Amino acid sequence: MKPLMVGLAGSAVFLASCDDRGDEAEDRIEAAAEASAAQAGPAPVALGLSEAQLIDADLIGPDRVELGSVEGVLRNEAGEVNRLLIEIEDSNPDRFVTLPVDGLTSVADGDDTDLSTAMTREQLTALPDAQP
């Protein structure tokens, strides 16, 4: 599992630095996240959500405006999900940051679930680009 997460983060860095091949890299990130979610199964891994539910979630700010979307989960050395790979909404070129799960809350939105943060768009975009 650890090599998959390292590969996922590495793909994010590649995507952020290579705009001309961005679609290809983004497809690899998505495929890696889906494979990891399938392997993890339906058990909750963070915030009471499964890995599949997490990668389907949007990140919303205090004003309930979408700030980004979850593209992958990252685990610590003990195998616990402790960070999320977030694609910042409306970034051009696409930009990815990692965000700790601490301080996030899950919010039901009809049949979907969003993740709420107290961060503003400005605070999110001030975070460094995702690093492996």
Protein backbone atom coordinates (compact mmCIF):
# COMPACT_ATOMS: atom_id res chain seq x y z
CA MET A 1 0.00 0.00 0.00
CA LYS A 2 2.82 2.42 0.86
CA PRO A 3 4.36 2.26 -2.67
CA LEU A 4 0.94 3.05 -4.12
CA MET A 5 0.60 6.18 -1.98
CA VAL A 6 4.14 7.30 -2.85
CA GLY A 7 3.32 6.76 -6.52
CA LEU A 8 0.11 8.72 -6.15
CA ALA A 9 1.88 11.69 -4.60
CA GLY A 10 4.65 11.47 -7.19
CA SER A 11 2.07 11.56 -9.95
CA ALA A 12 0.63 14.73 -8.48
CA VAL A 13 4.01 16.44 -8.61
CA PHE A 14 4.47 15.27 -12.19
CA LEU A 15 1.04 16.60 -13.10
CA ALA A 16 1.72 19.98 -11.54
CA SER A 17 4.99 20.37 -13.42
CA CYS A 18 4.06 18.98 -16.86
CA ASP A 19 1.03 20.78 -18.22
CA ASP A 20 1.34 19.34 -21.75
CA ARG A 21 0.94 15.79 -20.43
CA GLY A 22 -1.44 16.75 -17.62
CA ASP A 23 -4.38 14.66 -18.81
CA GLU A 24 -2.24 11.53 -18.92
CA ALA A 25 -0.86 12.13 -15.44
CA GLU A 26 -4.28 13.02 -14.06
CA ASP A 27 -5.60 9.73 -15.45
CA ARG A 28 -2.79 7.88 -13.63
CA ILE A 29 -3.64 9.64 -10.35
CA GLU A 30 -7.30 8.73 -10.74
CA ALA A 31 -6.51 5.10 -11.61
CA ALA A 32 -4.17 4.76 -8.63
CA ALA A 33 -6.76 6.27 -6.27
CA GLU A 34 -9.51 3.97 -7.56
CA ALA A 35 -7.27 0.90 -7.26
CA SER A 36 -6.35 1.85 -3.71
CA ALA A 37 -10.03 2.42 -2.82
CA ALA A 38 -10.98 -0.98 -4.27
CA GLN A 39 -8.23 -2.65 -2.25
CA ALA A 40 -9.28 -0.83 0.95
CA GLY A 41 -12.92 -1.91 0.56
CA PRO A 42 -15.97 -0.40 2.25
CA ALA A 43 -14.53 0.00 5.76
CA PRO A 44 -14.24 3.57 7.05
CA VAL A 45 -10.65 4.85 6.87
CA ALA A 46 -11.05 8.49 7.97
CA LEU A 47 -13.84 10.85 9.01
CA GLY A 48 -16.24 7.89 9.10
CA LEU A 49 -15.89 7.44 5.33
CA SER A 50 -14.45 4.72 3.14
CA GLU A 51 -11.57 5.48 0.83
CA ALA A 52 -13.97 5.40 -2.14
CA GLN A 53 -16.26 7.93 -0.44
CA LEU A 54 -13.30 10.17 0.31
CA ILE A 55 -12.07 10.26 -3.29
CA ASP A 56 -15.59 11.11 -4.43
CA ALA A 57 -15.83 14.06 -2.02
CA ASP A 58 -15.52 17.76 -2.74
CA LEU A 59 -13.78 20.12 -0.34
CA ILE A 60 -15.94 23.05 0.73
CA GLY A 61 -15.02 26.16 2.68
CA PRO A 62 -16.78 27.92 5.56
CA ASP A 63 -19.15 29.60 3.09
CA ARG A 64 -20.02 26.16 1.58
CA VAL A 65 -18.34 27.12 -1.71
CA GLU A 66 -16.36 24.36 -3.40
CA LEU A 67 -12.61 24.81 -2.96
CA GLY A 68 -11.44 21.60 -4.59
CA SER A 69 -11.90 17.89 -4.93
CA VAL A 70 -10.27 14.92 -3.25
CA GLU A 71 -8.09 13.07 -5.73
CA GLY A 72 -6.43 10.59 -3.38
CA VAL A 73 -5.70 9.58 0.17
CA LEU A 74 -2.25 9.49 1.75
CA ARG A 75 -1.27 7.30 4.66
CA ASN A 76 1.26 7.63 7.43
CA GLU A 77 3.84 4.94 8.23
CA ALA A 78 1.27 3.07 10.35
CA GLY A 79 -1.06 2.84 7.33
CA GLU A 80 -3.61 5.33 8.67
CA VAL A 81 -5.11 7.93 6.34
CA ASN A 82 -3.74 11.23 7.62
CA ARG A 83 -3.76 13.50 4.53
CA LEU A 84 -5.75 14.01 1.36
CA LEU A 85 -4.53 14.95 -2.08
CA ILE A 86 -6.68 17.92 -3.14
CA GLU A 87 -7.02 19.36 -6.64
CA ILE A 88 -7.70 23.07 -6.18
CA GLU A 89 -10.88 24.18 -7.94
CA ASP A 90 -10.41 26.37 -11.03
CA SER A 91 -6.61 26.24 -10.92
CA ASN A 92 -4.92 26.58 -14.28
CA PRO A 93 -2.78 24.64 -14.70
CA ASP A 94 -4.27 22.07 -12.34
CA ARG A 95 -2.72 22.38 -8.92
CA PHE A 96 -2.56 19.79 -6.17
CA VAL A 97 -1.90 20.21 -2.45
CA THR A 98 -2.01 17.87 0.50
CA LEU A 99 -4.34 18.61 3.37
CA PRO A 100 -4.37 16.92 6.79
CA VAL A 101 -7.64 15.19 7.67
CA ASP A 102 -7.47 16.75 11.15
CA GLY A 103 -9.88 19.67 11.21
CA LEU A 104 -12.04 18.37 8.35
CA THR A 105 -15.62 17.28 8.86
CA SER A 106 -17.90 15.29 6.61
CA VAL A 107 -21.09 17.00 5.47
CA ALA A 108 -23.96 15.14 3.84
CA ASP A 109 -25.13 16.71 0.58
CA GLY A 110 -28.05 14.62 -0.65
CA ASP A 111 -26.59 11.29 -1.73
CA ASP A 112 -23.07 12.75 -1.75
CA THR A 113 -20.70 13.66 1.03
CA ASP A 114 -18.51 16.77 1.04
CA LEU A 115 -15.63 17.57 3.35
CA SER A 116 -15.77 20.90 5.13
CA THR A 117 -12.73 22.94 6.13
CA ALA A 118 -12.35 26.21 8.00
CA MET A 119 -9.72 27.23 5.42
CA THR A 120 -10.44 29.91 2.84
CA ARG A 121 -9.51 29.62 -0.83
CA GLU A 122 -6.60 31.97 -0.19
CA GLN A 123 -5.27 29.77 2.61
CA LEU A 124 -5.65 26.64 0.49
CA THR A 125 -3.84 28.14 -2.50
CA ALA A 126 -1.04 29.34 -0.19
CA LEU A 127 -0.20 25.71 0.63
CA PRO A 128 2.85 24.26 -1.14
CA ASP A 129 2.38 22.02 -4.16
CA ALA A 130 2.01 18.34 -3.33
CA GLN A 131 5.38 16.62 -2.83
CA PRO A 132 6.15 12.88 -2.82
